[in-house]
Amino acid sequence: MLIVTSIRKTAAACALGACMTLAAIGQAAFAQADAPVPLATGMVDSGTAEGQVIEAVRNGDILSIKMRFKPIVSSKSEMVYSAITQNDYENSFYVVAGNKKYLLLKDSNDKPLTNPKLLIRTSKDSPIAGTWHGKFPAPPKEITEVSLTIPGVETLDAIKITDR
């Protein structure tokens, strides 16, 4: 009787462990399925992360672009840019639509509508190392794709615009 009880307890423990493992795998697969498919990708200059444009939305006369950074190397921190100088604003933050270059929009205090600095932190367990966003003048409706340039990241080409 003692052997049968031990076998039952062992079988129950194995079944519980298998169920927990399957649940964890299912949650990971569900989380990956929920993540938006990137519209464009480009590596950070150092190679520690991949920039992924996840949204490019034209709403009226504004084009909003959102980006996330997927870790490639774990346990690294990197300052992609620490500030935006006037020279950076004019030469390093823009979209190209057709044959025209569009600079970031600015707020009423003359500050560009983007992250004032960009720090990414990679870790083994995190699916995202950081995020970036920017607002630009929207190109004409007949333009359906843009290219994005920001400092420290490869140019991201053929980004499809969604209209709202």
N, C-alpha and C. Protein backbone atom coordinates (compact mmCIF):
# COMPACT_ATOMS: atom_id res chain seq x y z
N MET A 1 0.82 -1.19 0.00
CA MET A 1 0.00 0.00 0.00
C MET A 1 0.87 1.26 0.00
N LEU A 2 1.98 1.23 0.72
CA LEU A 2 2.90 2.35 0.80
C LEU A 2 3.47 2.67 -0.59
N ILE A 3 3.80 1.65 -1.36
CA ILE A 3 4.36 1.85 -2.70
C ILE A 3 3.32 2.49 -3.61
N VAL A 4 2.06 2.06 -3.54
CA VAL A 4 1.00 2.61 -4.38
C VAL A 4 0.78 4.08 -4.05
N THR A 5 0.80 4.45 -2.77
CA THR A 5 0.62 5.84 -2.36
C THR A 5 1.77 6.69 -2.89
N SER A 6 3.01 6.21 -2.79
CA SER A 6 4.17 6.95 -3.29
C SER A 6 4.08 7.14 -4.80
N ILE A 7 3.64 6.11 -5.52
CA ILE A 7 3.51 6.21 -6.98
C ILE A 7 2.44 7.25 -7.32
N ARG A 8 1.34 7.24 -6.59
CA ARG A 8 0.27 8.21 -6.84
C ARG A 8 0.75 9.64 -6.60
N LYS A 9 1.48 9.85 -5.50
CA LYS A 9 1.99 11.18 -5.20
C LYS A 9 2.98 11.63 -6.27
N THR A 10 3.85 10.72 -6.71
CA THR A 10 4.83 11.05 -7.75
C THR A 10 4.12 11.36 -9.06
N ALA A 11 3.13 10.56 -9.42
CA ALA A 11 2.37 10.80 -10.65
C ALA A 11 1.63 12.13 -10.58
N ALA A 12 1.07 12.44 -9.43
CA ALA A 12 0.35 13.70 -9.27
C ALA A 12 1.32 14.88 -9.39
N ALA A 13 2.49 14.75 -8.80
CA ALA A 13 3.50 15.82 -8.88
C ALA A 13 3.96 16.01 -10.32
N CYS A 14 4.17 14.90 -11.04
CA CYS A 14 4.58 14.98 -12.45
C CYS A 14 3.48 15.64 -13.30
N ALA A 15 2.24 15.27 -13.05
CA ALA A 15 1.12 15.84 -13.81
C ALA A 15 1.01 17.33 -13.53
N LEU A 16 1.16 17.73 -12.29
CA LEU A 16 1.10 19.14 -11.93
C LEU A 16 2.24 19.90 -12.61
N GLY A 17 3.43 19.34 -12.58
CA GLY A 17 4.58 19.97 -13.23
C GLY A 17 4.37 20.11 -14.73
N ALA A 18 3.82 19.09 -15.36
CA ALA A 18 3.56 19.13 -16.80
C ALA A 18 2.52 20.20 -17.12
N CYS A 19 1.47 20.29 -16.30
CA CYS A 19 0.44 21.32 -16.52
C CYS A 19 1.02 22.71 -16.36
N MET A 20 1.86 22.92 -15.37
CA MET A 20 2.47 24.23 -15.16
C MET A 20 3.39 24.59 -16.32
N THR A 21 4.14 23.63 -16.81
CA THR A 21 5.03 23.88 -17.96
C THR A 21 4.22 24.24 -19.19
N LEU A 22 3.17 23.49 -19.46
CA LEU A 22 2.32 23.79 -20.62
C LEU A 22 1.67 25.17 -20.49
N ALA A 23 1.25 25.53 -19.28
CA ALA A 23 0.64 26.84 -19.07
C ALA A 23 1.66 27.94 -19.34
N ALA A 24 2.88 27.76 -18.88
CA ALA A 24 3.93 28.77 -19.11
C ALA A 24 4.23 28.91 -20.59
N ILE A 25 4.31 27.80 -21.30
CA ILE A 25 4.57 27.83 -22.74
C ILE A 25 3.41 28.53 -23.45
N GLY A 26 2.19 28.23 -23.05
CA GLY A 26 1.02 28.86 -23.65
C GLY A 26 1.00 30.37 -23.41
N GLN A 27 1.37 30.80 -22.18
CA GLN A 27 1.41 32.23 -21.89
C GLN A 27 2.48 32.92 -22.72
N ALA A 28 3.65 32.30 -22.88
CA ALA A 28 4.72 32.90 -23.68
C ALA A 28 4.29 33.00 -25.14
N ALA A 29 3.66 31.97 -25.66
CA ALA A 29 3.20 31.99 -27.05
C ALA A 29 2.11 33.04 -27.23
N PHE A 30 1.22 33.16 -26.25
CA PHE A 30 0.14 34.15 -26.31
C PHE A 30 0.73 35.55 -26.28
N ALA A 31 1.73 35.80 -25.42
CA ALA A 31 2.36 37.11 -25.33
C ALA A 31 3.05 37.47 -26.64
N GLN A 32 3.72 36.49 -27.27
CA GLN A 32 4.37 36.76 -28.55
C GLN A 32 3.34 37.01 -29.64
N ALA A 33 2.22 36.30 -29.59
CA ALA A 33 1.18 36.48 -30.59
C ALA A 33 0.53 37.86 -30.47
N ASP A 34 0.47 38.42 -29.24
CA ASP A 34 -0.11 39.73 -29.01
C ASP A 34 0.80 40.86 -29.47
N ALA A 35 2.11 40.62 -29.53
CA ALA A 35 3.05 41.67 -29.92
C ALA A 35 2.82 42.03 -31.38
N PRO A 36 2.73 43.33 -31.67
CA PRO A 36 2.51 43.72 -33.06
C PRO A 36 3.68 43.31 -33.96
N VAL A 37 3.35 42.95 -35.18
CA VAL A 37 4.39 42.60 -36.16
C VAL A 37 5.05 43.91 -36.59
N PRO A 38 6.37 43.99 -36.55
CA PRO A 38 7.04 45.24 -36.92
C PRO A 38 6.78 45.65 -38.37
N LEU A 39 6.62 46.95 -38.59
CA LEU A 39 6.45 47.49 -39.93
C LEU A 39 7.80 47.64 -40.62
N ALA A 40 8.86 47.82 -39.82
CA ALA A 40 10.23 47.94 -40.32
C ALA A 40 11.18 47.67 -39.16
N THR A 41 12.38 47.21 -39.45
CA THR A 41 13.37 46.95 -38.42
C THR A 41 14.73 47.51 -38.81
N GLY A 42 15.52 47.84 -37.81
CA GLY A 42 16.88 48.33 -38.01
C GLY A 42 17.67 48.17 -36.73
N MET A 43 18.94 47.83 -36.87
CA MET A 43 19.79 47.60 -35.70
C MET A 43 20.26 48.91 -35.08
N VAL A 44 20.41 48.88 -33.76
CA VAL A 44 21.08 49.96 -33.04
C VAL A 44 22.56 49.87 -33.43
N ASP A 45 23.23 51.01 -33.51
CA ASP A 45 24.63 51.03 -33.97
C ASP A 45 25.52 50.03 -33.25
N SER A 46 25.32 49.84 -31.96
CA SER A 46 26.18 48.93 -31.19
C SER A 46 25.83 47.46 -31.39
N GLY A 47 24.65 47.17 -31.96
CA GLY A 47 24.22 45.79 -32.15
C GLY A 47 23.58 45.15 -30.94
N THR A 48 23.29 45.93 -29.89
CA THR A 48 22.70 45.35 -28.68
C THR A 48 21.19 45.14 -28.79
N ALA A 49 20.54 45.83 -29.72
CA ALA A 49 19.08 45.73 -29.84
C ALA A 49 18.66 46.02 -31.27
N GLU A 50 17.45 45.56 -31.58
CA GLU A 50 16.86 45.81 -32.89
C GLU A 50 15.71 46.79 -32.71
N GLY A 51 15.75 47.89 -33.44
CA GLY A 51 14.64 48.83 -33.44
C GLY A 51 13.53 48.30 -34.33
N GLN A 52 12.30 48.34 -33.85
CA GLN A 52 11.15 47.84 -34.60
C GLN A 52 10.05 48.89 -34.60
N VAL A 53 9.73 49.41 -35.79
CA VAL A 53 8.61 50.34 -35.89
C VAL A 53 7.34 49.52 -35.77
N ILE A 54 6.49 49.88 -34.80
CA ILE A 54 5.26 49.11 -34.57
C ILE A 54 4.02 49.89 -34.95
N GLU A 55 4.19 51.20 -35.24
CA GLU A 55 3.03 51.99 -35.60
C GLU A 55 3.47 53.24 -36.36
N ALA A 56 2.77 53.54 -37.44
CA ALA A 56 2.93 54.78 -38.20
C ALA A 56 1.53 55.22 -38.60
N VAL A 57 0.99 56.17 -37.86
CA VAL A 57 -0.41 56.56 -38.03
C VAL A 57 -0.49 58.01 -38.47
N ARG A 58 -1.19 58.22 -39.58
CA ARG A 58 -1.48 59.57 -40.07
C ARG A 58 -2.88 59.92 -39.58
N ASN A 59 -2.96 60.95 -38.77
CA ASN A 59 -4.24 61.43 -38.24
C ASN A 59 -4.30 62.92 -38.55
N GLY A 60 -5.06 63.28 -39.57
CA GLY A 60 -5.11 64.67 -40.01
C GLY A 60 -3.77 65.07 -40.58
N ASP A 61 -3.17 66.10 -40.00
CA ASP A 61 -1.89 66.58 -40.52
C ASP A 61 -0.70 66.15 -39.68
N ILE A 62 -0.89 65.11 -38.84
CA ILE A 62 0.21 64.61 -38.00
C ILE A 62 0.46 63.13 -38.28
N LEU A 63 1.73 62.78 -38.42
CA LEU A 63 2.17 61.39 -38.56
C LEU A 63 2.87 61.00 -37.27
N SER A 64 2.31 60.04 -36.54
CA SER A 64 2.90 59.56 -35.28
C SER A 64 3.56 58.21 -35.54
N ILE A 65 4.81 58.09 -35.11
CA ILE A 65 5.54 56.84 -35.28
C ILE A 65 5.98 56.34 -33.92
N LYS A 66 5.74 55.04 -33.68
CA LYS A 66 6.15 54.40 -32.43
C LYS A 66 7.11 53.26 -32.75
N MET A 67 8.10 53.11 -31.88
CA MET A 67 9.13 52.10 -32.08
C MET A 67 9.44 51.44 -30.74
N ARG A 68 9.79 50.17 -30.80
CA ARG A 68 10.26 49.45 -29.60
C ARG A 68 11.63 48.88 -29.95
N PHE A 69 12.37 48.52 -28.93
CA PHE A 69 13.69 47.93 -29.13
C PHE A 69 13.70 46.53 -28.54
N LYS A 70 13.99 45.56 -29.38
CA LYS A 70 14.05 44.16 -28.98
C LYS A 70 15.50 43.82 -28.64
N PRO A 71 15.76 43.30 -27.43
CA PRO A 71 17.13 42.97 -27.04
C PRO A 71 17.75 41.90 -27.94
N ILE A 72 19.01 42.10 -28.29
CA ILE A 72 19.80 41.10 -29.02
C ILE A 72 20.87 40.54 -28.09
N VAL A 73 21.47 41.42 -27.30
CA VAL A 73 22.49 41.06 -26.32
C VAL A 73 21.90 41.36 -24.95
N SER A 74 22.08 40.45 -23.98
CA SER A 74 21.47 40.69 -22.67
C SER A 74 22.40 41.45 -21.74
N SER A 75 21.80 42.07 -20.75
CA SER A 75 22.48 42.77 -19.67
C SER A 75 23.37 43.92 -20.15
N LYS A 76 22.83 44.74 -21.02
CA LYS A 76 23.56 45.93 -21.49
C LYS A 76 22.66 47.15 -21.34
N SER A 77 23.26 48.27 -21.04
CA SER A 77 22.57 49.56 -21.07
C SER A 77 23.31 50.43 -22.06
N GLU A 78 22.55 51.20 -22.82
CA GLU A 78 23.16 52.03 -23.84
C GLU A 78 22.36 53.31 -24.01
N MET A 79 23.07 54.43 -24.01
CA MET A 79 22.45 55.71 -24.29
C MET A 79 22.53 55.89 -25.81
N VAL A 80 21.40 55.76 -26.48
CA VAL A 80 21.36 55.90 -27.94
C VAL A 80 21.58 57.38 -28.30
N TYR A 81 20.90 58.27 -27.60
CA TYR A 81 21.21 59.70 -27.66
C TYR A 81 20.82 60.32 -26.32
N SER A 82 21.58 61.32 -25.90
CA SER A 82 21.37 61.88 -24.57
C SER A 82 20.66 63.23 -24.58
N ALA A 83 20.60 63.86 -25.73
CA ALA A 83 19.93 65.16 -25.86
C ALA A 83 19.71 65.41 -27.34
N ILE A 84 18.91 66.43 -27.63
CA ILE A 84 18.66 66.81 -29.02
C ILE A 84 19.13 68.25 -29.22
N THR A 85 20.24 68.40 -29.89
CA THR A 85 20.74 69.73 -30.21
C THR A 85 20.00 70.24 -31.46
N GLN A 86 20.17 71.51 -31.76
CA GLN A 86 19.55 72.06 -32.96
C GLN A 86 20.08 71.35 -34.20
N ASN A 87 21.38 71.04 -34.22
CA ASN A 87 21.97 70.32 -35.34
C ASN A 87 21.37 68.92 -35.47
N ASP A 88 21.20 68.22 -34.33
CA ASP A 88 20.56 66.90 -34.34
C ASP A 88 19.14 67.01 -34.88
N TYR A 89 18.42 68.02 -34.41
CA TYR A 89 17.03 68.21 -34.83
C TYR A 89 16.96 68.36 -36.36
N GLU A 90 17.85 69.15 -36.92
CA GLU A 90 17.81 69.43 -38.36
C GLU A 90 18.35 68.30 -39.22
N ASN A 91 19.25 67.47 -38.66
CA ASN A 91 19.94 66.49 -39.49
C ASN A 91 19.79 65.03 -39.09
N SER A 92 19.22 64.75 -37.92
CA SER A 92 19.22 63.37 -37.44
C SER A 92 17.86 62.79 -37.08
N PHE A 93 16.81 63.60 -37.08
CA PHE A 93 15.47 63.14 -36.75
C PHE A 93 14.53 63.55 -37.87
N TYR A 94 14.18 62.63 -38.75
CA TYR A 94 13.29 63.00 -39.84
C TYR A 94 12.70 61.77 -40.52
N VAL A 95 11.62 62.01 -41.25
CA VAL A 95 11.08 61.00 -42.15
C VAL A 95 11.24 61.53 -43.57
N VAL A 96 11.39 60.59 -44.49
CA VAL A 96 11.40 60.93 -45.91
C VAL A 96 10.17 60.28 -46.52
N ALA A 97 9.38 61.11 -47.19
CA ALA A 97 8.15 60.65 -47.85
C ALA A 97 8.18 61.17 -49.27
N GLY A 98 8.19 60.24 -50.23
CA GLY A 98 8.37 60.66 -51.62
C GLY A 98 9.76 61.23 -51.75
N ASN A 99 9.87 62.46 -52.17
CA ASN A 99 11.18 63.10 -52.27
C ASN A 99 11.31 64.28 -51.30
N LYS A 100 10.54 64.25 -50.21
CA LYS A 100 10.53 65.35 -49.25
C LYS A 100 10.91 64.86 -47.86
N LYS A 101 11.70 65.69 -47.17
CA LYS A 101 12.15 65.40 -45.81
C LYS A 101 11.27 66.18 -44.83
N TYR A 102 10.76 65.48 -43.79
CA TYR A 102 9.91 66.11 -42.78
C TYR A 102 10.60 66.01 -41.43
N LEU A 103 10.84 67.16 -40.79
CA LEU A 103 11.45 67.20 -39.46
C LEU A 103 10.38 66.98 -38.39
N LEU A 104 10.83 66.62 -37.19
CA LEU A 104 9.91 66.47 -36.06
C LEU A 104 9.12 67.75 -35.83
N LEU A 105 7.89 67.59 -35.40
CA LEU A 105 7.11 68.74 -34.95
C LEU A 105 7.67 69.22 -33.61
N LYS A 106 7.41 70.48 -33.27
CA LYS A 106 7.84 71.03 -31.98
C LYS A 106 6.62 71.51 -31.21
N ASP A 107 6.76 71.53 -29.87
CA ASP A 107 5.67 72.03 -29.03
C ASP A 107 5.78 73.55 -28.89
N SER A 108 4.92 74.14 -28.07
CA SER A 108 4.89 75.60 -27.90
C SER A 108 6.15 76.13 -27.20
N ASN A 109 6.93 75.24 -26.58
CA ASN A 109 8.20 75.64 -25.96
C ASN A 109 9.39 75.36 -26.86
N ASP A 110 9.12 75.08 -28.14
CA ASP A 110 10.15 74.82 -29.15
C ASP A 110 10.92 73.52 -28.87
N LYS A 111 10.28 72.56 -28.20
CA LYS A 111 10.89 71.25 -27.93
C LYS A 111 10.35 70.23 -28.93
N PRO A 112 11.23 69.43 -29.54
CA PRO A 112 10.77 68.41 -30.49
C PRO A 112 9.83 67.40 -29.82
N LEU A 113 8.81 66.97 -30.56
CA LEU A 113 7.83 66.01 -30.03
C LEU A 113 8.35 64.59 -30.19
N THR A 114 9.28 64.27 -29.31
CA THR A 114 9.90 62.94 -29.25
C THR A 114 10.54 62.76 -27.89
N ASN A 115 11.13 61.60 -27.66
CA ASN A 115 11.86 61.35 -26.43
C ASN A 115 13.04 62.33 -26.35
N PRO A 116 13.21 63.07 -25.24
CA PRO A 116 14.33 64.00 -25.14
C PRO A 116 15.67 63.28 -25.07
N LYS A 117 15.66 62.03 -24.63
CA LYS A 117 16.85 61.17 -24.64
C LYS A 117 16.37 59.74 -24.82
N LEU A 118 17.26 58.87 -25.27
CA LEU A 118 16.87 57.48 -25.50
C LEU A 118 17.91 56.55 -24.89
N LEU A 119 17.49 55.87 -23.83
CA LEU A 119 18.32 54.88 -23.14
C LEU A 119 17.65 53.52 -23.32
N ILE A 120 18.42 52.53 -23.74
CA ILE A 120 17.87 51.18 -23.82
C ILE A 120 18.62 50.29 -22.85
N ARG A 121 17.87 49.39 -22.22
CA ARG A 121 18.44 48.43 -21.27
C ARG A 121 17.99 47.05 -21.70
N THR A 122 18.94 46.20 -21.99
CA THR A 122 18.60 44.85 -22.42
C THR A 122 18.76 43.90 -21.25
N SER A 123 17.87 42.92 -21.19
CA SER A 123 18.00 41.86 -20.19
C SER A 123 17.48 40.58 -20.80
N LYS A 124 17.93 39.48 -20.26
CA LYS A 124 17.59 38.16 -20.80
C LYS A 124 16.09 37.90 -20.76
N ASP A 125 15.42 38.37 -19.74
CA ASP A 125 14.01 38.04 -19.54
C ASP A 125 13.02 39.06 -20.09
N SER A 126 13.51 40.20 -20.55
CA SER A 126 12.60 41.25 -21.02
C SER A 126 12.47 41.23 -22.54
N PRO A 127 11.25 41.25 -23.06
CA PRO A 127 11.07 41.25 -24.51
C PRO A 127 11.31 42.63 -25.14
N ILE A 128 11.34 43.69 -24.30
CA ILE A 128 11.53 45.05 -24.81
C ILE A 128 12.63 45.74 -24.00
N ALA A 129 13.56 46.41 -24.73
CA ALA A 129 14.66 47.11 -24.08
C ALA A 129 14.40 48.61 -23.95
N GLY A 130 13.41 49.10 -24.65
CA GLY A 130 13.08 50.52 -24.60
C GLY A 130 12.10 50.87 -25.69
N THR A 131 11.62 52.11 -25.68
CA THR A 131 10.67 52.55 -26.70
C THR A 131 11.05 53.95 -27.18
N TRP A 132 10.53 54.31 -28.35
CA TRP A 132 10.73 55.64 -28.93
C TRP A 132 9.44 56.04 -29.63
N HIS A 133 9.17 57.33 -29.68
CA HIS A 133 8.03 57.84 -30.42
C HIS A 133 8.39 59.21 -30.99
N GLY A 134 7.73 59.58 -32.05
CA GLY A 134 7.94 60.90 -32.63
C GLY A 134 6.73 61.33 -33.42
N LYS A 135 6.52 62.65 -33.50
CA LYS A 135 5.42 63.21 -34.28
C LYS A 135 6.00 64.12 -35.36
N PHE A 136 5.53 63.89 -36.58
CA PHE A 136 6.02 64.60 -37.76
C PHE A 136 4.83 65.19 -38.52
N PRO A 137 5.10 66.19 -39.38
CA PRO A 137 4.02 66.62 -40.28
C PRO A 137 3.65 65.44 -41.18
N ALA A 138 2.38 65.24 -41.40
CA ALA A 138 1.94 64.12 -42.23
C ALA A 138 2.19 64.44 -43.71
N PRO A 139 2.70 63.46 -44.43
CA PRO A 139 2.84 63.65 -45.88
C PRO A 139 1.45 63.60 -46.54
N PRO A 140 1.34 64.00 -47.80
CA PRO A 140 0.05 63.94 -48.50
C PRO A 140 -0.53 62.52 -48.50
N LYS A 141 -1.86 62.43 -48.62
CA LYS A 141 -2.57 61.14 -48.56
C LYS A 141 -2.08 60.12 -49.59
N GLU A 142 -1.60 60.57 -50.75
CA GLU A 142 -1.15 59.62 -51.77
C GLU A 142 0.17 58.94 -51.39
N ILE A 143 0.88 59.47 -50.39
CA ILE A 143 2.10 58.84 -49.88
C ILE A 143 1.68 57.79 -48.86
N THR A 144 2.06 56.54 -49.09
CA THR A 144 1.63 55.45 -48.19
C THR A 144 2.78 54.83 -47.41
N GLU A 145 4.02 55.24 -47.70
CA GLU A 145 5.19 54.71 -46.99
C GLU A 145 6.17 55.83 -46.72
N VAL A 146 6.91 55.69 -45.61
CA VAL A 146 7.96 56.63 -45.27
C VAL A 146 9.20 55.87 -44.82
N SER A 147 10.31 56.58 -44.76
CA SER A 147 11.54 56.08 -44.14
C SER A 147 11.80 56.94 -42.92
N LEU A 148 12.31 56.34 -41.85
CA LEU A 148 12.57 57.05 -40.60
C LEU A 148 14.06 57.03 -40.30
N THR A 149 14.59 58.19 -39.92
CA THR A 149 15.97 58.30 -39.47
C THR A 149 15.97 58.92 -38.08
N ILE A 150 16.62 58.23 -37.13
CA ILE A 150 16.90 58.78 -35.80
C ILE A 150 18.34 58.41 -35.47
N PRO A 151 18.99 59.17 -34.58
CA PRO A 151 20.39 58.88 -34.27
C PRO A 151 20.56 57.50 -33.64
N GLY A 152 21.67 56.85 -33.97
CA GLY A 152 22.05 55.60 -33.32
C GLY A 152 21.32 54.37 -33.81
N VAL A 153 20.46 54.51 -34.84
CA VAL A 153 19.69 53.38 -35.36
C VAL A 153 19.77 53.43 -36.88
N GLU A 154 19.89 52.25 -37.50
CA GLU A 154 19.85 52.20 -38.96
C GLU A 154 18.58 52.87 -39.47
N THR A 155 18.64 53.44 -40.66
CA THR A 155 17.44 54.00 -41.26
C THR A 155 16.42 52.89 -41.47
N LEU A 156 15.19 53.18 -41.10
CA LEU A 156 14.09 52.21 -41.23
C LEU A 156 13.27 52.58 -42.44
N ASP A 157 13.28 51.71 -43.46
CA ASP A 157 12.64 52.00 -44.74
C ASP A 157 11.30 51.28 -44.91
N ALA A 158 10.54 51.79 -45.88
CA ALA A 158 9.27 51.19 -46.32
C ALA A 158 8.29 50.97 -45.17
N ILE A 159 8.14 51.98 -44.33
CA ILE A 159 7.18 51.93 -43.22
C ILE A 159 5.81 52.30 -43.76
N LYS A 160 4.88 51.36 -43.70
CA LYS A 160 3.53 51.60 -44.20
C LYS A 160 2.75 52.47 -43.22
N ILE A 161 2.08 53.46 -43.77
CA ILE A 161 1.29 54.40 -42.97
C ILE A 161 -0.16 53.89 -42.88
N THR A 162 -0.72 53.97 -41.68
CA THR A 162 -2.13 53.69 -41.45
C THR A 162 -2.84 55.02 -41.28
N ASP A 163 -3.97 55.19 -41.96
CA ASP A 163 -4.74 56.43 -41.84
C ASP A 163 -5.87 56.24 -40.83
N ARG A 164 -6.08 57.27 -40.00
CA ARG A 164 -7.19 57.26 -39.04
C ARG A 164 -8.00 58.51 -39.18
